[in-house]
Amino acid sequence: MNEVVGRDDLLLVTLDTLRYDIAADLAASGRLPHLARHLPGGVWEKRHAPGSFTYASHQAMFAGFLPTPATPGPHPRLFAARFAGSETTAGRTFVYDTPDLVSGLARAGYRTVCVGGVGFFNKQGALGDVLPGLFQESHWEPEFGVASPTSFEAQVTRAEKVVAELPPDQRLFLFVNVSALHQPNWFHLPGATREAGDSPATHAAALEYVDRHIGRLLTAMSTRRRCFAIVSSDHGTAYGDDGFTGHRLGHEVVWTVPYAHFFVDPTEAPV
């Protein structure tokens, strides 16, 4: 990462609330054609989330604690604040001397931009201002939120505008919190109803919706130079699993998340 930072643009996409089992099934069955072409080996990596709900997980990720591989460690991290005794800081880790990754990248010369999604990024109250407040520039509007059936399209349009307005030599760290997977998501499945509510099937349909539009985001982020992209869930959610519903709880489907990181060159970007 010490070679990547300062050379490439950086993209962090959190697919808010995406379950690992559903993401893995869709990739294996060919239902994520645009994402799968970038996933190493065409599959998601199984990882453990650093938190069981959006706020906790993002606070950890912005401190450099991305989801941890679901195998015995220690696992060297991509990014880490300088911290004596850290067992996951290695020679390949980008180490910064600020409290969080966002300000660390800003100090390294990056323009830091947040395109928010769920309520913790809506800037409509003190709590909703904490996470976007880490960035030099942040955007949120109702069309980006959980109630919008076209939320991701609107977020990508904003991201395209951000990229287009940057000077060519300005490095960019873009963060996008994708709200489409978060409840309510029933409207992404044709024939589903509000009365029937959300389900694993509507959750899967929401991920397919994101896949149809993510190519635009990757194209925008690789138009100026190579982009290093991280695409991950922040936590999963339960749909009646063992009697549990929702998240902010300690169930396997909440703690287990899909993760991938990869490079996107301008010549490889989808059209």
Protein backbone atom coordinates (compact mmCIF):
# COMPACT_ATOMS: atom_id res chain seq x y z
CA MET A 1 0.00 0.00 0.00
CA ASN A 2 2.98 2.32 0.37
CA GLU A 3 3.37 2.11 -3.42
CA VAL A 4 -0.35 2.46 -4.09
CA VAL A 5 -0.99 5.49 -1.87
CA GLY A 6 0.14 8.60 -3.71
CA ARG A 7 0.12 6.86 -7.09
CA ASP A 8 -3.44 5.59 -7.57
CA ASP A 9 -6.91 6.89 -6.84
CA LEU A 10 -8.65 5.01 -4.02
CA LEU A 11 -12.25 3.81 -3.79
CA LEU A 12 -13.95 2.32 -0.74
CA VAL A 13 -17.48 1.00 -1.29
CA THR A 14 -19.45 -0.38 1.63
CA LEU A 15 -22.47 -2.43 0.56
CA ASP A 16 -24.37 -1.66 3.72
CA THR A 17 -25.96 -4.73 5.38
CA LEU A 18 -24.94 -7.22 2.66
CA ARG A 19 -24.84 -10.82 3.86
CA TYR A 20 -21.94 -13.07 2.85
CA ASP A 21 -24.07 -16.12 2.07
CA ILE A 22 -26.33 -14.24 -0.35
CA ALA A 23 -23.42 -12.42 -2.01
CA ALA A 24 -21.50 -15.69 -2.45
CA ASP A 25 -24.51 -17.51 -3.89
CA LEU A 26 -25.20 -14.77 -6.43
CA ALA A 27 -21.59 -14.65 -7.58
CA ALA A 28 -21.43 -18.45 -7.93
CA SER A 29 -24.65 -18.56 -9.95
CA GLY A 30 -23.59 -15.85 -12.40
CA ARG A 31 -26.04 -13.25 -11.13
CA LEU A 32 -23.35 -10.60 -10.48
CA PRO A 33 -21.67 -10.31 -13.89
CA HIS A 34 -20.22 -6.84 -13.38
CA LEU A 35 -18.86 -7.35 -9.88
CA ALA A 36 -17.69 -10.92 -10.49
CA ARG A 37 -15.34 -9.87 -13.28
CA HIS A 38 -13.37 -7.87 -10.71
CA LEU A 39 -13.55 -10.26 -7.74
CA PRO A 40 -10.28 -12.21 -7.45
CA GLY A 41 -11.09 -15.63 -8.88
CA GLY A 42 -14.67 -14.48 -9.38
CA VAL A 43 -15.53 -15.07 -5.71
CA TRP A 44 -15.99 -13.00 -2.58
CA GLU A 45 -13.55 -13.39 0.27
CA LYS A 46 -15.21 -14.44 3.53
CA ARG A 47 -14.39 -12.01 6.34
CA HIS A 48 -15.56 -10.98 9.80
CA ALA A 49 -17.01 -7.50 10.26
CA PRO A 50 -15.41 -5.12 12.78
CA GLY A 51 -18.86 -4.13 14.04
CA SER A 52 -22.44 -5.42 14.04
CA PHE A 53 -24.06 -2.23 12.74
CA THR A 54 -23.21 0.68 10.47
CA TYR A 55 -21.87 3.25 12.90
CA ALA A 56 -19.59 0.91 14.85
CA SER A 57 -18.30 -0.85 11.76
CA HIS A 58 -17.49 2.33 9.85
CA GLN A 59 -15.77 3.93 12.83
CA ALA A 60 -13.50 0.87 12.89
CA MET A 61 -12.93 0.81 9.12
CA PHE A 62 -12.09 4.51 9.03
CA ALA A 63 -9.52 3.76 11.74
CA GLY A 64 -7.91 1.19 9.41
CA PHE A 65 -9.66 -1.92 10.72
CA LEU A 66 -11.24 -3.36 7.58
CA PRO A 67 -13.13 -6.66 7.89
CA THR A 68 -10.76 -9.42 9.04
CA PRO A 69 -10.17 -12.62 6.99
CA ALA A 70 -12.23 -15.46 8.48
CA THR A 71 -9.16 -17.62 9.14
CA PRO A 72 -6.72 -17.67 12.05
CA GLY A 73 -4.35 -14.69 11.98
CA PRO A 74 -2.72 -12.37 12.58
CA HIS A 75 -3.58 -10.71 9.28
CA PRO A 76 -1.48 -7.70 8.17
CA ARG A 77 -3.67 -4.69 7.42
CA LEU A 78 -3.65 -2.45 4.37
CA PHE A 79 -3.88 0.72 6.47
CA ALA A 80 -3.02 1.46 10.09
CA ALA A 81 -2.49 4.41 12.40
CA ARG A 82 0.96 4.43 13.96
CA PHE A 83 0.46 2.48 17.18
CA ALA A 84 3.15 0.90 19.30
CA GLY A 85 2.80 -2.85 19.61
CA SER A 86 0.36 -3.32 16.72
CA GLU A 87 0.60 -6.95 15.57
CA THR A 88 -1.22 -6.32 12.29
CA THR A 89 0.99 -3.48 11.00
CA ALA A 90 3.50 -4.86 8.51
CA GLY A 91 6.00 -3.51 6.01
CA ARG A 92 3.37 -3.36 3.28
CA THR A 93 0.92 -1.42 5.49
CA PHE A 94 0.34 2.28 4.79
CA VAL A 95 0.93 3.85 8.21
CA TYR A 96 -0.41 7.31 9.01
CA ASP A 97 0.09 9.65 11.96
CA THR A 98 -3.47 10.96 12.21
CA PRO A 99 -6.39 9.50 14.20
CA ASP A 100 -8.11 8.01 11.13
CA LEU A 101 -7.46 6.83 7.59
CA VAL A 102 -9.45 9.65 5.99
CA SER A 103 -7.33 12.41 7.48
CA GLY A 104 -4.22 10.30 6.90
CA LEU A 105 -4.97 10.18 3.18
CA ALA A 106 -5.77 13.90 3.18
CA ARG A 107 -2.32 14.55 4.66
CA ALA A 108 -0.88 12.39 1.87
CA GLY A 109 -2.42 14.76 -0.68
CA TYR A 110 -5.75 13.11 -1.41
CA ARG A 111 -9.07 14.87 -1.87
CA THR A 112 -11.37 12.93 0.49
CA VAL A 113 -15.01 12.70 -0.56
CA CYS A 114 -17.96 10.86 1.00
CA VAL A 115 -21.16 9.95 -0.85
CA GLY A 116 -23.46 8.83 1.96
CA GLY A 117 -26.35 6.42 1.96
CA VAL A 118 -27.93 5.21 5.20
CA GLY A 119 -28.99 7.48 8.05
CA PHE A 120 -25.60 7.66 9.75
CA PHE A 121 -24.42 9.69 6.73
CA ASN A 122 -27.45 11.95 6.21
CA LYS A 123 -26.04 15.00 8.06
CA GLN A 124 -29.52 15.70 9.44
CA GLY A 125 -28.45 15.67 13.07
CA ALA A 126 -25.34 15.61 15.21
CA LEU A 127 -24.94 11.83 14.98
CA GLY A 128 -25.51 11.81 11.22
CA ASP A 129 -22.69 14.33 10.86
CA VAL A 130 -19.93 12.36 12.61
CA LEU A 131 -18.88 9.97 9.83
CA PRO A 132 -19.25 12.35 6.85
CA GLY A 133 -17.53 15.00 8.97
CA LEU A 134 -14.27 13.06 8.62
CA PHE A 135 -14.13 13.99 4.92
CA GLN A 136 -13.13 17.22 3.21
CA GLU A 137 -16.29 16.98 1.11
CA SER A 138 -19.47 15.02 1.75
CA HIS A 139 -22.76 14.55 -0.06
CA TRP A 140 -26.15 13.22 0.96
CA GLU A 141 -29.67 13.78 -0.33
CA PRO A 142 -32.93 11.84 0.11
CA GLU A 143 -32.44 10.14 -3.27
CA PHE A 144 -29.35 8.41 -1.80
CA GLY A 145 -31.24 6.98 1.17
CA VAL A 146 -32.79 3.65 2.06
CA ALA A 147 -36.30 4.59 0.93
CA SER A 148 -35.28 5.37 -2.65
CA PRO A 149 -35.65 2.54 -5.22
CA THR A 150 -33.03 4.32 -7.38
CA SER A 151 -30.59 5.20 -4.59
CA PHE A 152 -27.45 3.69 -6.09
CA GLU A 153 -28.00 5.24 -9.50
CA ALA A 154 -28.28 8.64 -7.83
CA GLN A 155 -25.14 8.01 -5.78
CA VAL A 156 -23.16 7.01 -8.87
CA THR A 157 -24.31 10.14 -10.70
CA ARG A 158 -22.97 12.23 -7.82
CA ALA A 159 -19.69 10.29 -7.83
CA GLU A 160 -19.29 10.86 -11.58
CA LYS A 161 -19.73 14.59 -10.99
CA VAL A 162 -17.13 14.57 -8.19
CA VAL A 163 -14.56 12.88 -10.44
CA ALA A 164 -15.30 15.14 -13.42
CA GLU A 165 -14.76 18.30 -11.37
CA LEU A 166 -11.35 17.33 -9.96
CA PRO A 167 -8.12 18.70 -11.47
CA PRO A 168 -6.38 15.90 -13.41
CA ASP A 169 -3.39 15.77 -11.07
CA GLN A 170 -5.47 15.65 -7.86
CA ARG A 171 -5.53 12.20 -6.24
CA LEU A 172 -8.94 11.12 -4.94
CA PHE A 173 -10.15 8.97 -2.07
CA LEU A 174 -13.84 8.36 -2.71
CA PHE A 175 -16.04 6.58 -0.18
CA VAL A 176 -19.54 5.42 -1.14
CA ASN A 177 -21.94 3.93 1.41
CA VAL A 178 -24.48 1.98 -0.66
CA SER A 179 -27.91 1.98 0.99
CA ALA A 180 -29.78 -0.25 -1.48
CA LEU A 181 -29.27 -3.50 0.49
CA HIS A 182 -30.49 -2.03 3.75
CA GLN A 183 -34.13 -2.44 4.67
CA PRO A 184 -36.50 -1.61 3.12
CA ASN A 185 -35.38 -3.48 0.02
CA TRP A 186 -38.60 -5.25 -1.01
CA PHE A 187 -39.13 -2.87 -3.94
CA HIS A 188 -36.10 -4.27 -5.78
CA LEU A 189 -37.86 -7.60 -6.43
CA PRO A 190 -40.64 -7.47 -9.05
CA GLY A 191 -43.88 -8.71 -7.52
CA ALA A 192 -42.80 -8.19 -3.92
CA THR A 193 -45.03 -6.05 -1.72
CA ARG A 194 -44.58 -3.70 1.20
CA GLU A 195 -46.99 -5.87 3.21
CA ALA A 196 -44.88 -9.00 2.69
CA GLY A 197 -41.76 -7.03 3.62
CA ASP A 198 -38.09 -7.79 3.09
CA SER A 199 -36.61 -11.26 2.71
CA PRO A 200 -33.42 -12.97 1.53
CA ALA A 201 -34.91 -12.88 -1.98
CA THR A 202 -35.43 -9.10 -1.93
CA HIS A 203 -31.96 -8.69 -0.40
CA ALA A 204 -30.54 -10.64 -3.36
CA ALA A 205 -32.54 -8.56 -5.83
CA ALA A 206 -31.10 -5.40 -4.27
CA LEU A 207 -27.57 -6.70 -4.82
CA GLU A 208 -28.40 -7.49 -8.45
CA TYR A 209 -29.64 -3.91 -8.78
CA VAL A 210 -26.32 -2.60 -7.44
CA ASP A 211 -24.40 -4.88 -9.82
CA ARG A 212 -26.24 -3.43 -12.81
CA HIS A 213 -24.94 0.05 -12.04
CA ILE A 214 -21.55 -0.45 -10.37
CA GLY A 215 -19.78 -0.48 -13.72
CA ARG A 216 -20.46 3.24 -14.03
CA LEU A 217 -18.76 3.89 -10.70
CA LEU A 218 -15.69 1.83 -11.57
CA THR A 219 -15.47 3.52 -14.96
CA ALA A 220 -15.60 6.98 -13.41
CA MET A 221 -12.93 6.10 -10.85
CA SER A 222 -10.53 4.76 -13.47
CA THR A 223 -10.86 7.44 -16.13
CA ARG A 224 -7.91 9.48 -14.84
CA ARG A 225 -5.51 6.80 -13.61
CA ARG A 226 -5.50 3.33 -12.08
CA CYS A 227 -7.87 2.89 -9.15
CA PHE A 228 -7.41 0.65 -6.12
CA ALA A 229 -10.91 -0.42 -5.07
CA ILE A 230 -12.17 -2.02 -1.87
CA VAL A 231 -15.72 -3.38 -2.00
CA SER A 232 -17.08 -4.84 1.21
CA SER A 233 -20.07 -5.18 3.46
CA ASP A 234 -19.95 -3.49 6.84
CA HIS A 235 -22.16 -6.15 8.50
CA GLY A 236 -24.90 -8.58 7.55
CA THR A 237 -28.49 -8.81 8.70
CA ALA A 238 -30.89 -11.52 9.85
CA TYR A 239 -34.20 -12.43 8.22
CA GLY A 240 -35.59 -14.69 10.91
CA ASP A 241 -32.40 -16.76 11.21
CA ASP A 242 -32.71 -18.68 14.50
CA GLY A 243 -35.47 -16.26 15.40
CA PHE A 244 -33.35 -13.13 14.91
CA THR A 245 -34.28 -10.20 12.70
CA GLY A 246 -32.09 -7.23 11.79
CA HIS A 247 -28.56 -6.51 13.01
CA ARG A 248 -26.69 -4.98 15.98
CA LEU A 249 -26.69 -8.50 17.36
CA GLY A 250 -24.20 -11.36 17.58
CA HIS A 251 -25.43 -13.82 14.95
CA GLU A 252 -23.20 -15.47 12.35
CA VAL A 253 -25.10 -13.88 9.44
CA VAL A 254 -24.40 -10.44 10.92
CA TRP A 255 -20.69 -10.94 11.63
CA THR A 256 -19.81 -12.71 8.36
CA VAL A 257 -19.38 -10.41 5.37
CA PRO A 258 -18.17 -10.47 1.74
CA TYR A 259 -15.00 -8.56 0.88
CA ALA A 260 -12.79 -7.89 -2.14
CA HIS A 261 -10.05 -5.52 -3.19
CA PHE A 262 -8.65 -5.12 -6.68
CA PHE A 263 -7.15 -2.69 -9.18
CA VAL A 264 -9.11 -1.19 -12.06
CA ASP A 265 -7.08 0.15 -14.97
CA PRO A 266 -8.64 2.56 -17.47
CA THR A 267 -8.39 -0.08 -20.22
CA GLU A 268 -10.21 -2.62 -18.02
CA ALA A 269 -13.09 -0.41 -16.92
CA PRO A 270 -16.53 -1.59 -18.05
CA VAL A 271 -18.34 0.51 -20.60
